[in-house]
Protein backbone atom coordinates (compact mmCIF):
# COMPACT_ATOMS: atom_id res chain seq x y z
CA MET A 1 18.30 5.08 29.88
CA GLU A 2 20.16 7.42 27.54
CA THR A 3 17.87 9.99 25.96
CA TYR A 4 18.57 11.84 22.73
CA THR A 5 17.19 15.38 22.48
CA GLU A 6 17.37 17.66 19.49
CA PRO A 7 19.54 20.77 19.84
CA ALA A 8 17.72 23.57 21.64
CA THR A 9 15.71 25.80 19.35
CA ARG A 10 12.76 28.10 19.62
CA TRP A 11 9.75 25.96 18.81
CA ARG A 12 8.27 28.61 16.55
CA ASP A 13 11.20 28.06 14.21
CA GLY A 14 10.82 24.29 14.37
CA PRO A 15 9.48 21.97 11.69
CA THR A 16 6.01 20.73 10.95
CA VAL A 17 5.97 17.15 12.22
CA VAL A 18 3.50 14.65 10.75
CA VAL A 19 3.09 11.39 12.68
CA GLY A 20 1.86 8.59 10.42
CA GLY A 21 2.61 7.91 6.77
CA GLY A 22 -0.74 6.52 5.65
CA ALA A 23 -2.95 7.86 2.87
CA GLY A 24 -3.55 11.20 4.59
CA GLY A 25 -0.20 11.60 6.31
CA LEU A 26 2.00 10.91 3.29
CA GLU A 27 -0.12 13.07 0.98
CA LEU A 28 0.13 15.91 3.49
CA VAL A 29 3.90 15.55 3.87
CA THR A 30 4.29 15.55 0.08
CA ARG A 31 2.29 18.77 -0.30
CA LEU A 32 4.03 20.52 2.62
CA SER A 33 7.44 19.55 1.27
CA ARG A 34 6.62 20.99 -2.14
CA GLN A 35 5.54 24.24 -0.50
CA ALA A 36 8.72 24.35 1.60
CA ARG A 37 10.96 23.85 -1.44
CA GLU A 38 9.34 26.80 -3.18
CA LYS A 39 10.43 29.23 -0.46
CA SER A 40 13.52 27.62 1.06
CA ARG A 41 17.12 28.68 0.58
CA ASN A 42 19.79 26.18 -0.38
CA GLY A 43 21.21 24.56 2.71
CA ASP A 44 18.14 25.16 4.90
CA PRO A 45 17.34 22.18 7.14
CA PRO A 46 14.16 20.26 6.24
CA SER A 47 11.10 22.08 7.58
CA VAL A 48 8.92 18.96 7.42
CA VAL A 49 9.43 15.73 9.38
CA LEU A 50 7.56 12.46 8.90
CA VAL A 51 7.44 9.94 11.76
CA ASP A 52 6.29 6.37 11.21
CA ARG A 53 6.93 2.99 12.78
CA ALA A 54 7.39 1.33 9.36
CA LEU A 55 9.96 1.92 6.65
CA GLY A 56 7.46 2.20 3.82
CA HIS A 57 3.93 3.17 2.84
CA ILE A 58 1.25 0.83 1.48
CA TRP A 59 -2.16 2.14 0.46
CA LYS A 60 -4.44 0.57 3.07
CA PRO A 61 -7.27 -0.42 0.67
CA ARG A 62 -4.78 -2.85 -0.93
CA LEU A 63 -4.22 -4.88 2.24
CA HIS A 64 -6.82 -7.48 1.25
CA GLU A 65 -4.75 -8.21 -1.89
CA ILE A 66 -1.60 -8.74 0.19
CA ALA A 67 -3.56 -10.92 2.63
CA THR A 68 -4.49 -13.29 -0.21
CA ALA A 69 -1.12 -13.34 -2.03
CA MET A 70 -2.62 -11.50 -5.00
CA GLN A 71 -0.20 -8.61 -4.41
CA SER A 72 3.38 -8.55 -3.16
CA PRO A 73 3.93 -6.17 -0.23
CA VAL A 74 7.34 -5.28 -1.64
CA ALA A 75 5.91 -4.22 -5.00
CA ALA A 76 3.09 -2.24 -3.36
CA GLU A 77 5.34 -0.39 -0.90
CA SER A 78 6.79 3.09 -1.28
CA SER A 79 9.98 3.59 0.74
CA PHE A 80 9.82 6.51 3.17
CA LEU A 81 13.58 6.98 2.93
CA GLY A 82 13.51 7.22 -0.86
CA HIS A 83 10.42 9.41 -0.84
CA ALA A 84 11.97 11.74 1.76
CA THR A 85 15.13 12.13 -0.32
CA ALA A 86 13.14 12.85 -3.47
CA HIS A 87 10.85 15.41 -1.79
CA GLY A 88 13.21 17.08 0.68
CA TYR A 89 11.75 16.21 4.08
CA ARG A 90 13.21 14.27 6.99
CA PHE A 91 12.07 10.79 7.96
CA GLU A 92 12.25 9.46 11.52
CA ILE A 93 11.39 5.85 12.25
CA GLY A 94 9.70 5.23 15.59
CA ASP A 95 6.56 5.04 17.69
CA ILE A 96 5.16 8.18 19.30
CA GLN A 97 4.71 7.73 23.04
CA GLN A 98 4.06 11.21 24.44
CA VAL A 99 3.21 14.79 23.44
CA ASP A 100 4.02 17.95 25.40
CA PRO A 101 1.76 20.72 24.02
CA VAL A 102 3.31 23.33 26.34
CA GLY A 103 6.91 22.64 25.39
CA HIS A 104 6.01 21.86 21.78
CA THR A 105 7.82 18.52 21.83
CA MET A 106 6.91 14.93 21.10
CA THR A 107 8.72 11.84 22.33
CA LEU A 108 9.47 8.67 20.41
CA ALA A 109 9.80 5.34 22.20
CA PRO A 110 13.16 3.53 22.05
CA LEU A 111 13.52 1.64 18.77
CA LEU A 112 14.15 -2.08 19.22
CA GLY A 113 15.62 -4.46 16.66
CA PRO A 114 14.24 -7.89 15.67
CA ASP A 115 16.03 -9.55 18.58
CA GLY A 116 14.91 -6.96 21.11
CA GLU A 117 18.18 -5.06 21.18
CA ASP A 118 18.23 -1.26 21.40
CA VAL A 119 18.73 0.35 17.99
CA LEU A 120 17.88 3.95 18.89
CA PRO A 121 17.25 5.48 22.33
CA GLU A 122 14.20 7.49 23.30
CA ARG A 123 14.15 10.67 21.21
CA THR A 124 12.53 14.07 21.68
CA ILE A 125 11.56 16.13 18.64
CA SER A 126 10.57 19.80 18.77
CA TYR A 127 7.77 21.00 16.53
CA ALA A 128 6.14 24.24 15.48
CA ARG A 129 3.06 22.36 14.28
CA LEU A 130 2.19 18.73 14.96
CA VAL A 131 -0.17 16.70 12.77
CA LEU A 132 -1.42 13.36 14.07
CA ALA A 133 -2.21 10.94 11.23
CA LEU A 134 -1.70 7.62 12.97
CA GLY A 135 -4.62 5.82 11.34
CA SER A 136 -6.66 3.29 13.30
CA GLU A 137 -6.41 -0.01 15.14
CA GLU A 138 -8.73 -2.99 15.15
CA ASN A 139 -11.71 -2.86 17.51
CA ASP A 140 -13.01 -6.19 18.79
CA PHE A 141 -15.62 -4.47 21.02
CA GLY A 142 -14.55 -6.68 23.93
CA THR A 143 -15.85 -9.84 22.24
CA PRO A 144 -14.67 -12.84 24.30
CA GLY A 145 -11.85 -14.69 22.57
CA ALA A 146 -11.50 -12.29 19.63
CA ARG A 147 -8.06 -11.00 20.59
CA GLU A 148 -6.73 -14.49 21.31
CA HIS A 149 -8.23 -16.46 18.42
CA CYS A 150 -8.66 -14.07 15.48
CA LEU A 151 -6.44 -12.67 12.80
CA PHE A 152 -6.90 -8.99 11.97
CA LEU A 153 -6.40 -6.91 8.83
CA ASN A 154 -5.29 -3.41 9.72
CA ASN A 155 -1.61 -3.27 8.70
CA THR A 156 0.90 -5.00 6.45
CA ASP A 157 2.23 -7.40 9.10
CA GLN A 158 -1.30 -8.62 9.82
CA ALA A 159 -1.99 -9.02 6.09
CA VAL A 160 1.11 -11.22 5.76
CA GLN A 161 -0.04 -13.31 8.74
CA ILE A 162 -3.37 -13.97 7.01
CA ARG A 163 -1.61 -14.77 3.73
CA ASP A 164 0.66 -17.32 5.36
CA ALA A 165 -2.21 -18.97 7.26
CA LEU A 166 -4.35 -19.23 4.13
CA LEU A 167 -1.54 -20.68 2.03
CA VAL A 168 -0.57 -23.22 4.69
CA GLY A 169 -4.18 -24.40 5.02
CA ALA A 170 -4.72 -24.56 1.26
CA PHE A 171 -1.50 -26.51 0.62
CA ARG A 172 -2.35 -28.98 3.38
CA VAL A 173 -5.77 -29.61 1.84
CA ALA A 174 -4.28 -29.98 -1.64
CA ARG A 175 -1.75 -32.57 -0.40
CA GLY A 176 -4.26 -34.51 1.68
CA GLU A 177 -2.86 -33.50 5.06
CA GLN A 178 -6.23 -32.16 6.22
CA ASP A 179 -9.81 -32.69 5.05
CA ARG A 180 -10.89 -29.10 4.45
CA LEU A 181 -10.09 -25.43 4.99
CA SER A 182 -12.79 -23.41 6.72
CA VAL A 183 -12.53 -19.63 6.99
CA VAL A 184 -14.94 -17.24 8.68
CA VAL A 185 -14.71 -13.48 8.06
CA ILE A 186 -16.38 -11.52 10.86
CA GLY A 187 -17.66 -8.23 9.50
CA GLY A 188 -19.50 -7.56 6.26
CA GLY A 189 -18.32 -4.02 5.65
CA ALA A 190 -16.03 -3.01 2.81
CA THR A 191 -12.94 -4.70 4.27
CA GLY A 192 -14.73 -7.99 4.99
CA VAL A 193 -16.44 -8.13 1.59
CA GLU A 194 -13.25 -7.30 -0.31
CA LEU A 195 -11.29 -9.87 1.67
CA ALA A 196 -13.88 -12.62 1.12
CA ALA A 197 -14.01 -11.95 -2.62
CA GLU A 198 -10.22 -11.93 -2.89
CA ILE A 199 -9.88 -15.19 -0.91
CA ASN A 200 -12.10 -16.88 -3.50
CA HIS A 201 -10.03 -15.38 -6.30
CA ALA A 202 -6.80 -16.59 -4.66
CA ILE A 203 -8.10 -20.15 -4.19
CA ASP A 204 -8.98 -20.31 -7.89
CA ALA A 205 -5.53 -19.00 -8.80
CA LEU A 206 -3.88 -21.59 -6.54
CA TRP A 207 -5.96 -24.38 -8.09
CA VAL A 208 -4.15 -23.73 -11.40
CA HIS A 209 -0.90 -24.80 -9.71
CA GLU A 210 -2.46 -27.34 -7.34
CA PRO A 211 -5.24 -29.20 -9.26
CA THR A 212 -5.77 -31.51 -6.28
CA LEU A 213 -7.13 -28.56 -4.29
CA GLU A 214 -10.83 -29.37 -4.58
CA ARG A 215 -12.88 -26.17 -4.45
CA SER A 216 -15.60 -27.91 -2.43
CA LYS A 217 -13.10 -28.48 0.39
CA VAL A 218 -12.64 -24.75 0.98
CA GLN A 219 -15.54 -23.23 2.92
CA LEU A 220 -15.82 -19.45 3.37
CA THR A 221 -18.41 -17.72 5.57
CA VAL A 222 -19.06 -14.01 6.16
CA VAL A 223 -20.82 -13.03 9.40
CA GLU A 224 -22.43 -9.58 9.62
CA ALA A 225 -24.50 -8.14 12.49
CA ALA A 226 -26.55 -5.91 10.16
CA ASP A 227 -29.28 -7.35 7.97
CA ARG A 228 -27.24 -6.72 4.80
CA LEU A 229 -23.66 -6.49 3.63
CA LEU A 230 -22.09 -3.04 3.20
CA SER A 231 -24.72 -1.42 5.39
CA ALA A 232 -23.01 1.99 4.97
CA ASN A 233 -23.54 1.79 1.19
CA PRO A 234 -26.73 2.11 -0.85
CA SER A 235 -28.85 -1.05 -0.90
CA GLU A 236 -28.20 -1.59 -4.62
CA VAL A 237 -24.50 -2.03 -3.89
CA SER A 238 -25.25 -4.44 -1.04
CA VAL A 239 -27.48 -6.60 -3.24
CA TYR A 240 -24.90 -6.78 -6.03
CA ALA A 241 -22.09 -7.69 -3.60
CA ALA A 242 -24.21 -10.38 -1.90
CA ARG A 243 -25.09 -11.97 -5.24
CA ALA A 244 -21.47 -11.90 -6.38
CA LEU A 245 -20.28 -13.66 -3.22
CA GLN A 246 -23.11 -16.20 -3.20
CA ALA A 247 -22.35 -17.05 -6.82
CA ARG A 248 -18.91 -18.09 -5.58
CA GLN A 249 -20.41 -20.35 -2.87
CA VAL A 250 -19.69 -17.96 -0.01
CA ASP A 251 -22.08 -18.45 2.90
CA LEU A 252 -23.57 -15.20 4.20
CA VAL A 253 -24.79 -15.08 7.78
CA LEU A 254 -26.61 -11.76 8.18
CA GLY A 255 -28.31 -10.20 11.19
CA GLU A 256 -26.24 -12.32 13.59
CA ARG A 257 -23.98 -11.03 16.34
CA VAL A 258 -20.89 -12.86 17.57
CA ALA A 259 -21.08 -13.96 21.22
CA GLY A 260 -17.63 -15.48 21.50
CA ILE A 261 -14.71 -16.98 19.64
CA ASP A 262 -12.48 -19.93 20.46
CA ALA A 263 -9.75 -21.93 18.74
CA GLN A 264 -12.29 -24.03 16.86
CA GLY A 265 -14.76 -21.44 15.63
CA VAL A 266 -17.35 -18.74 16.29
CA GLN A 267 -20.34 -18.82 18.62
CA LEU A 268 -23.27 -16.59 17.63
CA GLN A 269 -25.75 -15.01 20.04
CA SER A 270 -28.58 -16.96 18.41
CA GLY A 271 -26.96 -20.19 19.56
CA ARG A 272 -25.65 -21.14 16.14
CA ARG A 273 -22.03 -22.19 15.90
CA ILE A 274 -19.67 -21.91 12.92
CA ASP A 275 -16.59 -24.09 13.05
CA ALA A 276 -13.61 -22.48 11.36
CA GLN A 277 -9.92 -23.17 11.16
CA LEU A 278 -9.19 -19.51 10.37
CA ARG A 279 -11.10 -16.69 12.02
CA ILE A 280 -10.52 -13.19 10.59
CA TRP A 281 -11.94 -10.12 12.32
CA THR A 282 -12.81 -7.09 10.14
CA ALA A 283 -15.81 -5.83 12.11
CA GLY A 284 -14.55 -2.52 13.46
CA ILE A 285 -11.76 -0.01 14.00
CA ARG A 286 -10.90 2.45 16.75
CA GLY A 287 -8.37 5.17 17.47
CA PRO A 288 -4.75 4.31 18.37
CA ARG A 289 -4.35 2.92 21.87
CA VAL A 290 -1.27 5.08 22.41
CA PHE A 291 -3.60 8.08 22.77
CA GLU A 292 -4.77 6.61 26.08
CA GLN A 293 -1.41 7.59 27.64
CA MET A 294 -1.64 11.19 26.38
CA PRO A 295 -4.01 12.99 28.78
CA SER A 296 -3.41 16.34 27.09
CA LEU A 297 -5.20 15.18 23.92
CA PRO A 298 -9.01 15.52 23.79
CA ARG A 299 -10.26 11.99 23.07
CA THR A 300 -13.62 10.52 22.13
CA ARG A 301 -15.08 7.24 23.39
CA SER A 302 -13.51 5.47 20.40
CA CYS A 303 -10.07 6.86 21.40
CA ARG A 304 -9.91 9.29 18.49
CA VAL A 305 -8.77 12.89 18.76
CA GLN A 306 -11.61 15.39 18.68
CA VAL A 307 -10.91 18.12 16.11
CA ASP A 308 -12.65 21.39 15.31
CA ALA A 309 -13.80 22.86 11.99
CA GLU A 310 -10.17 23.52 10.99
CA LEU A 311 -8.96 20.04 12.03
CA ARG A 312 -7.22 21.39 15.16
CA CYS A 313 -7.32 19.43 18.39
CA ALA A 314 -9.72 21.09 20.81
CA GLY A 315 -7.81 23.56 23.00
CA LEU A 316 -4.47 22.83 21.32
CA PRO A 317 -4.03 25.35 18.47
CA ASP A 318 -0.72 23.95 17.16
CA ILE A 319 -1.79 20.28 17.05
CA TYR A 320 -3.93 18.89 14.24
CA ALA A 321 -5.31 15.45 13.43
CA ILE A 322 -6.51 13.89 10.18
CA GLY A 323 -7.66 10.52 8.90
CA ASP A 324 -8.86 7.55 10.95
CA CYS A 325 -7.34 8.82 14.22
CA ALA A 326 -9.38 12.05 14.10
CA GLU A 327 -13.07 12.56 14.76
CA TRP A 328 -14.41 15.43 12.69
CA VAL A 329 -18.13 16.07 12.97
CA ASP A 330 -19.77 17.04 9.70
CA PRO A 331 -21.92 20.13 10.35
CA ALA A 332 -24.25 19.06 7.55
CA ASP A 333 -25.65 16.16 9.58
CA GLY A 334 -24.01 16.52 13.00
CA ARG A 335 -22.39 13.08 12.77
CA PRO A 336 -18.74 11.98 12.64
CA ALA A 337 -17.46 11.59 9.10
CA PRO A 338 -16.68 8.07 7.81
CA TYR A 339 -13.17 6.73 8.29
CA THR A 340 -12.04 6.21 4.71
CA ALA A 341 -9.00 6.90 2.54
CA GLN A 342 -11.15 9.37 0.59
CA ILE A 343 -11.73 11.68 3.53
CA ALA A 344 -8.12 11.32 4.75
CA SER A 345 -6.93 12.50 1.34
CA ALA A 346 -9.39 15.41 1.37
CA GLN A 347 -8.21 16.45 4.84
CA ALA A 348 -4.58 16.32 3.70
CA ARG A 349 -5.32 18.64 0.76
CA TYR A 350 -7.26 21.01 3.00
CA LEU A 351 -4.69 21.14 5.79
CA ALA A 352 -1.77 21.77 3.43
CA ALA A 353 -3.59 24.77 2.01
CA ALA A 354 -4.80 25.92 5.44
CA LEU A 355 -1.33 25.86 7.03
CA LYS A 356 0.08 27.82 4.09
CA ALA A 357 -2.69 30.42 4.37
CA ARG A 358 -2.32 30.73 8.13
CA ALA A 359 1.45 31.24 7.80
CA ALA A 360 0.71 34.12 5.39
CA GLY A 361 -1.72 35.67 7.85
CA GLN A 362 -4.76 34.84 5.72
CA ALA A 363 -8.16 33.70 6.93
CA VAL A 364 -8.83 29.96 6.80
CA ALA A 365 -12.22 28.57 5.82
CA PRO A 366 -13.54 25.54 7.74
CA PHE A 367 -13.05 22.06 6.34
CA ARG A 368 -15.95 20.69 4.30
CA PHE A 369 -16.31 17.24 2.83
CA GLU A 370 -18.52 16.07 0.00
CA SER A 371 -18.31 12.36 -0.67
CA ALA A 372 -17.65 11.29 -4.24
CA GLY A 373 -19.18 7.87 -3.51
CA ALA A 374 -17.60 4.55 -2.67
CA ILE A 375 -16.33 1.57 -4.67
CA VAL A 376 -15.86 -1.94 -3.24
CA SER A 377 -13.59 -4.45 -4.95
CA LEU A 378 -15.05 -7.92 -5.60
CA GLY A 379 -11.92 -9.68 -6.78
CA ASP A 380 -12.17 -11.21 -10.24
CA ARG A 381 -15.87 -10.30 -10.22
CA GLY A 382 -14.95 -6.66 -10.72
CA ALA A 383 -16.29 -4.12 -8.25
CA ALA A 384 -19.47 -2.33 -7.24
CA GLY A 385 -20.31 1.07 -5.84
CA ASN A 386 -21.88 4.46 -6.28
CA LEU A 387 -20.45 7.65 -7.75
CA THR A 388 -21.92 10.94 -6.56
CA THR A 389 -22.27 13.76 -9.08
CA ARG A 390 -23.34 17.27 -8.10
CA PHE A 391 -25.25 19.93 -9.96
CA GLY A 392 -25.24 23.09 -7.85
CA ARG A 393 -26.96 22.21 -4.59
CA HIS A 394 -28.30 18.94 -5.91
CA SER A 395 -26.51 15.59 -6.05
CA ARG A 396 -27.25 12.28 -7.72
CA ASP A 397 -25.84 8.80 -7.18
CA GLN A 398 -24.89 6.69 -10.17
CA TYR A 399 -24.47 3.00 -9.46
CA VAL A 400 -21.61 1.20 -11.20
CA GLN A 401 -20.71 -2.47 -11.20
CA GLY A 402 -18.52 -5.01 -12.92
CA LEU A 403 -15.65 -3.92 -15.13
CA SER A 404 -16.57 -0.23 -15.19
CA ALA A 405 -16.52 -0.11 -11.38
CA ARG A 406 -13.22 -1.98 -11.38
CA LEU A 407 -11.69 0.67 -13.61
CA VAL A 408 -12.90 3.40 -11.24
CA TYR A 409 -11.42 1.47 -8.29
CA ALA A 410 -8.06 1.23 -10.07
CA ALA A 411 -8.20 4.94 -10.94
CA LEU A 412 -8.57 5.82 -7.24
CA TYR A 413 -5.31 4.04 -6.47
CA ARG A 414 -3.51 5.74 -9.35
CA ARG A 415 -4.80 9.10 -8.14
CA HIS A 416 -3.21 8.39 -4.77
CA GLU A 417 0.05 7.42 -6.49
CA LEU A 418 -0.05 10.68 -8.44
CA ALA A 419 -0.53 12.68 -5.22
CA ILE A 420 2.53 11.22 -3.50
CA HIS A 421 4.90 10.58 -6.43
CA GLY A 422 3.99 13.17 -9.05
CA TRP A 423 3.16 12.26 -12.63
CA ARG A 424 6.60 10.84 -13.48
CA GLY A 425 6.70 8.55 -10.45
CA ALA A 426 3.07 7.53 -10.82
CA LEU A 427 3.57 6.71 -14.51
CA ALA A 428 6.71 4.71 -13.76
CA ARG A 429 4.89 2.65 -11.11
CA LEU A 430 1.94 2.10 -13.47
CA LEU A 431 4.25 0.78 -16.19
CA SER A 432 6.15 -1.35 -13.67
CA ASP A 433 2.90 -2.94 -12.46
CA TRP A 434 1.75 -3.56 -16.02
CA LEU A 435 5.03 -5.16 -17.04
CA GLY A 436 5.04 -7.25 -13.88
CA ARG A 437 1.71 -8.79 -14.79
CA THR A 438 3.16 -10.01 -18.08
CA TYR A 439 5.73 -12.31 -16.47
CA GLN A 440 4.90 -12.71 -12.79
CA PRO A 441 2.55 -15.46 -11.54
CA GLU A 442 -0.89 -14.37 -10.39
CA LEU A 443 -0.13 -15.53 -6.86
CA LYS A 444 2.74 -13.71 -5.16
CA LEU A 445 4.20 -16.20 -2.68
CA HIS A 446 6.99 -13.95 -1.35
């Protein structure tokens, strides 16, 4: 097979390569590109390269809206090509398949087109610094039948699969082609709760166009192994979320583990069975499986890259990792930090500053993370969560719910937009979204 290799260059003069354009990766690339423009000469080649398998970025916490047709993936996406042109970095589409820490190179797998034809050959890219920001993949924990009979919600393609399956089932019920639509969401964490709430919202929105869609013929169940929803959140948030879902006739099955899944439903370890036409797994995530073929990377049991206090891969001083694919242990409690967009963004801000300081020969302080709380969307029922405020060494949680929490949730997204597009771009996208709501239908069927 023909292999493309970049022209020979000393790796120390090579670019900073960021693999993964998620919340952390794209924010980091944006910051590094701004720094590079400040010191570059006209005509210098881009000193920052972004690698991603997709052509655009979608903020992962919005996937549940795409999965229920409440948000169009096209409207939510930011093009990597357009963003790269605007910010002065280089974009390479492809999947990473190998890293050579000694030679300071990484290899991209051949790029195949929709029909399986070769579009681009295997490519080798030299780097001075490599940042892994690949995000996560779904983790079914080896549950029998999960891989074969469940839909997952971890990327845009999977969200579209769920959307299409939900719409097909709902239209068939509305037109009398089937008796009912039963959906079980496995996992009562933030993703599962947000998805369940948004499914209810979407069914109500569809009823406006399809009055024959009887609400009683759509059955939604959430299964959670812990004894409460949102077990990582304060109990007040769990109680509010449970009440909001139950008020919408969502069945909650708590304290039950899944024993197996088949084409007709879910079998619980207690012996109870839940029949379901659609089975959606949101119960866990793990590191990218591609890391398993990279023996040079220090991996944890969950296939994440182990990083030190400065987010460097153990024993590999020029390779870093951030976001869901990295396992950073918080020295405050000795436990791995949560895998959220909030910490990925914080790591991107830290690493951009740390790389700049290190290039100037300055000392770099270790990464520290202080959570600002967490907000969970509950569809048309608003949101719920806790905001952490600090006074010196002391902190206090303030619980928010309903419309006020929804406004905070929306502000988090706009903050992300500001980080990657600047105030002009973020304002333009805000106005575009607002104008779109004035003439577009609530359900986005394309």
